[in-house]
Amino acid sequence: MYTDLIPALRQSMDIDLPENIQLEELKEKLSAYINHLIQSDFEKLVSLLYRIDISETKLKHLLQENPGEDAGKIISELIIERQGQKIKSRQQFSKRDNNISDDEKW
């Protein structure tokens, strides 16, 4: 899943990330990028969160529960979690499709 995460983040967020980045460094870069968007282009951030399909309810809850926490860090964790869910889901569906005989495929 982790190998698919970087390309997925690049595509969905239009952000430049090195291919072999460690998870902690990835979180730091995403957090800094999110904080930049909070300060300079909040509409773009909202659009990104919508496109990635981050739960607004979950995000609001986490921000309220952690008032002293860096918002960029909280949001980056949610983005990584959501992208991981999407990757896992795609992998499960692609495996399932491979088990269908050619006669049964459309």
C-alpha atoms as a PDB file:
ATOM      1  CA  MET A   1       0.000   0.000   0.000  1.00  0.00           C
ATOM      2  CA  TYR A   2       2.791   2.456   0.917  1.00  0.00           C
ATOM      3  CA  THR A   3       4.343   2.202  -2.547  1.00  0.00           C
ATOM      4  CA  ASP A   4       1.035   3.314  -4.074  1.00  0.00           C
ATOM      5  CA  LEU A   5       0.535   6.104  -1.540  1.00  0.00           C
ATOM      6  CA  ILE A   6       3.073   8.593  -2.921  1.00  0.00           C
ATOM      7  CA  PRO A   7       1.722   8.518  -6.517  1.00  0.00           C
ATOM      8  CA  ALA A   8      -1.838   8.785  -5.189  1.00  0.00           C
ATOM      9  CA  LEU A   9      -0.950  11.821  -3.088  1.00  0.00           C
ATOM     10  CA  ARG A  10       0.923  13.426  -5.975  1.00  0.00           C
ATOM     11  CA  GLN A  11      -2.064  13.032  -8.237  1.00  0.00           C
ATOM     12  CA  SER A  12      -4.830  14.012  -5.831  1.00  0.00           C
ATOM     13  CA  MET A  13      -3.017  16.930  -4.205  1.00  0.00           C
ATOM     14  CA  ASP A  14      -0.811  18.112  -7.065  1.00  0.00           C
ATOM     15  CA  ILE A  15       2.196  18.091  -4.750  1.00  0.00           C
ATOM     16  CA  ASP A  16       5.807  17.180  -5.493  1.00  0.00           C
ATOM     17  CA  LEU A  17       6.960  14.329  -3.265  1.00  0.00           C
ATOM     18  CA  PRO A  18      10.106  12.195  -3.558  1.00  0.00           C
ATOM     19  CA  GLU A  19       9.502   8.548  -4.427  1.00  0.00           C
ATOM     20  CA  ASN A  20      11.396   7.074  -1.472  1.00  0.00           C
ATOM     21  CA  ILE A  21      10.234   9.272   1.394  1.00  0.00           C
ATOM     22  CA  GLN A  22       9.829   7.975   4.927  1.00  0.00           C
ATOM     23  CA  LEU A  23       6.358   8.136   6.472  1.00  0.00           C
ATOM     24  CA  GLU A  24       7.321  10.696   9.138  1.00  0.00           C
ATOM     25  CA  GLU A  25       8.901  12.979   6.545  1.00  0.00           C
ATOM     26  CA  LEU A  26       5.817  12.568   4.361  1.00  0.00           C
ATOM     27  CA  LYS A  27       3.600  13.621   7.265  1.00  0.00           C
ATOM     28  CA  GLU A  28       5.817  16.663   7.889  1.00  0.00           C
ATOM     29  CA  LYS A  29       5.729  17.744   4.237  1.00  0.00           C
ATOM     30  CA  LEU A  30       1.971  17.276   3.976  1.00  0.00           C
ATOM     31  CA  SER A  31       1.430  19.113   7.244  1.00  0.00           C
ATOM     32  CA  ALA A  32       3.534  22.071   6.064  1.00  0.00           C
ATOM     33  CA  TYR A  33       1.672  22.119   2.731  1.00  0.00           C
ATOM     34  CA  ILE A  34      -1.716  21.997   4.492  1.00  0.00           C
ATOM     35  CA  ASN A  35      -0.711  24.807   6.857  1.00  0.00           C
ATOM     36  CA  HIS A  36       0.416  26.854   3.859  1.00  0.00           C
ATOM     37  CA  LEU A  37      -3.001  26.326   2.248  1.00  0.00           C
ATOM     38  CA  ILE A  38      -4.777  27.261   5.485  1.00  0.00           C
ATOM     39  CA  GLN A  39      -2.908  30.572   5.479  1.00  0.00           C
ATOM     40  CA  SER A  40      -2.828  31.400   1.775  1.00  0.00           C
ATOM     41  CA  ASP A  41      -5.499  29.480  -0.169  1.00  0.00           C
ATOM     42  CA  PHE A  42      -8.194  28.070   2.086  1.00  0.00           C
ATOM     43  CA  GLU A  43     -10.564  27.498  -0.852  1.00  0.00           C
ATOM     44  CA  LYS A  44      -8.005  25.227  -2.501  1.00  0.00           C
ATOM     45  CA  LEU A  45      -7.667  23.270   0.752  1.00  0.00           C
ATOM     46  CA  VAL A  46     -11.423  22.810   1.012  1.00  0.00           C
ATOM     47  CA  SER A  47     -11.527  21.688  -2.623  1.00  0.00           C
ATOM     48  CA  LEU A  48      -8.704  19.175  -2.015  1.00  0.00           C
ATOM     49  CA  LEU A  49     -10.401  17.756   1.059  1.00  0.00           C
ATOM     50  CA  TYR A  50     -13.645  17.385  -0.871  1.00  0.00           C
ATOM     51  CA  ARG A  51     -11.905  15.715  -3.825  1.00  0.00           C
ATOM     52  CA  ILE A  52     -10.013  13.303  -1.559  1.00  0.00           C
ATOM     53  CA  ASP A  53     -13.281  12.633   0.283  1.00  0.00           C
ATOM     54  CA  ILE A  54     -12.252  13.581   3.807  1.00  0.00           C
ATOM     55  CA  SER A  55     -15.189  13.369   6.198  1.00  0.00           C
ATOM     56  CA  GLU A  56     -16.114  16.900   7.233  1.00  0.00           C
ATOM     57  CA  THR A  57     -17.739  15.596  10.402  1.00  0.00           C
ATOM     58  CA  LYS A  58     -14.661  13.593  11.370  1.00  0.00           C
ATOM     59  CA  LEU A  59     -12.355  16.525  10.620  1.00  0.00           C
ATOM     60  CA  LYS A  60     -14.418  18.971  12.695  1.00  0.00           C
ATOM     61  CA  HIS A  61     -14.572  16.491  15.559  1.00  0.00           C
ATOM     62  CA  LEU A  62     -10.796  15.926  15.544  1.00  0.00           C
ATOM     63  CA  LEU A  63     -10.060  19.647  15.396  1.00  0.00           C
ATOM     64  CA  GLN A  64     -12.427  20.311  18.314  1.00  0.00           C
ATOM     65  CA  GLU A  65     -11.028  17.413  20.355  1.00  0.00           C
ATOM     66  CA  ASN A  66      -7.424  18.595  19.832  1.00  0.00           C
ATOM     67  CA  PRO A  67      -7.500  22.402  20.085  1.00  0.00           C
ATOM     68  CA  GLY A  68      -3.760  22.781  20.753  1.00  0.00           C
ATOM     69  CA  GLU A  69      -2.713  20.378  18.015  1.00  0.00           C
ATOM     70  CA  ASP A  70      -1.369  21.547  14.657  1.00  0.00           C
ATOM     71  CA  ALA A  71      -4.324  21.520  12.229  1.00  0.00           C
ATOM     72  CA  GLY A  72      -2.025  20.660   9.319  1.00  0.00           C
ATOM     73  CA  LYS A  73      -0.848  17.561  11.137  1.00  0.00           C
ATOM     74  CA  ILE A  74      -4.409  16.422  11.884  1.00  0.00           C
ATOM     75  CA  ILE A  75      -5.513  16.995   8.289  1.00  0.00           C
ATOM     76  CA  SER A  76      -2.433  15.285   6.826  1.00  0.00           C
ATOM     77  CA  GLU A  77      -3.112  12.205   8.985  1.00  0.00           C
ATOM     78  CA  LEU A  78      -6.686  12.097   7.671  1.00  0.00           C
ATOM     79  CA  ILE A  79      -5.490  12.449   4.077  1.00  0.00           C
ATOM     80  CA  ILE A  80      -2.980   9.612   4.433  1.00  0.00           C
ATOM     81  CA  GLU A  81      -5.597   7.443   6.127  1.00  0.00           C
ATOM     82  CA  ARG A  82      -8.204   8.116   3.429  1.00  0.00           C
ATOM     83  CA  GLN A  83      -5.791   7.565   0.545  1.00  0.00           C
ATOM     84  CA  GLY A  84      -4.739   4.286   2.175  1.00  0.00           C
ATOM     85  CA  GLN A  85      -8.385   3.202   2.360  1.00  0.00           C
ATOM     86  CA  LYS A  86      -8.874   3.990  -1.329  1.00  0.00           C
ATOM     87  CA  ILE A  87      -5.750   2.058  -2.326  1.00  0.00           C
ATOM     88  CA  LYS A  88      -6.792  -0.960  -0.268  1.00  0.00           C
ATOM     89  CA  SER A  89     -10.278  -0.871  -1.773  1.00  0.00           C
ATOM     90  CA  ARG A  90      -8.923  -0.698  -5.339  1.00  0.00           C
ATOM     91  CA  GLN A  91      -6.599  -3.622  -4.659  1.00  0.00           C
ATOM     92  CA  GLN A  92      -9.453  -5.723  -3.300  1.00  0.00           C
ATOM     93  CA  PHE A  93     -11.671  -4.987  -6.295  1.00  0.00           C
ATOM     94  CA  SER A  94      -8.906  -5.645  -8.820  1.00  0.00           C
ATOM     95  CA  LYS A  95      -8.192  -9.034  -7.227  1.00  0.00           C
ATOM     96  CA  ARG A  96     -11.849  -9.899  -7.300  1.00  0.00           C
ATOM     97  CA  ASP A  97     -12.119  -8.951 -10.986  1.00  0.00           C
ATOM     98  CA  ASN A  98      -9.180 -11.202 -11.859  1.00  0.00           C
ATOM     99  CA  ASN A  99     -11.041 -14.242 -10.516  1.00  0.00           C
ATOM    100  CA  ILE A 100     -13.908 -13.816 -12.996  1.00  0.00           C
ATOM    101  CA  SER A 101     -13.798 -16.031 -16.086  1.00  0.00           C
ATOM    102  CA  ASP A 102     -13.713 -14.341 -19.504  1.00  0.00           C
ATOM    103  CA  ASP A 103     -17.210 -15.674 -20.263  1.00  0.00           C
ATOM    104  CA  GLU A 104     -18.643 -13.825 -17.270  1.00  0.00           C
ATOM    105  CA  LYS A 105     -16.870 -10.512 -17.919  1.00  0.00           C
ATOM    106  CA  TRP A 106     -18.766  -7.876 -19.840  1.00  0.00           C
END
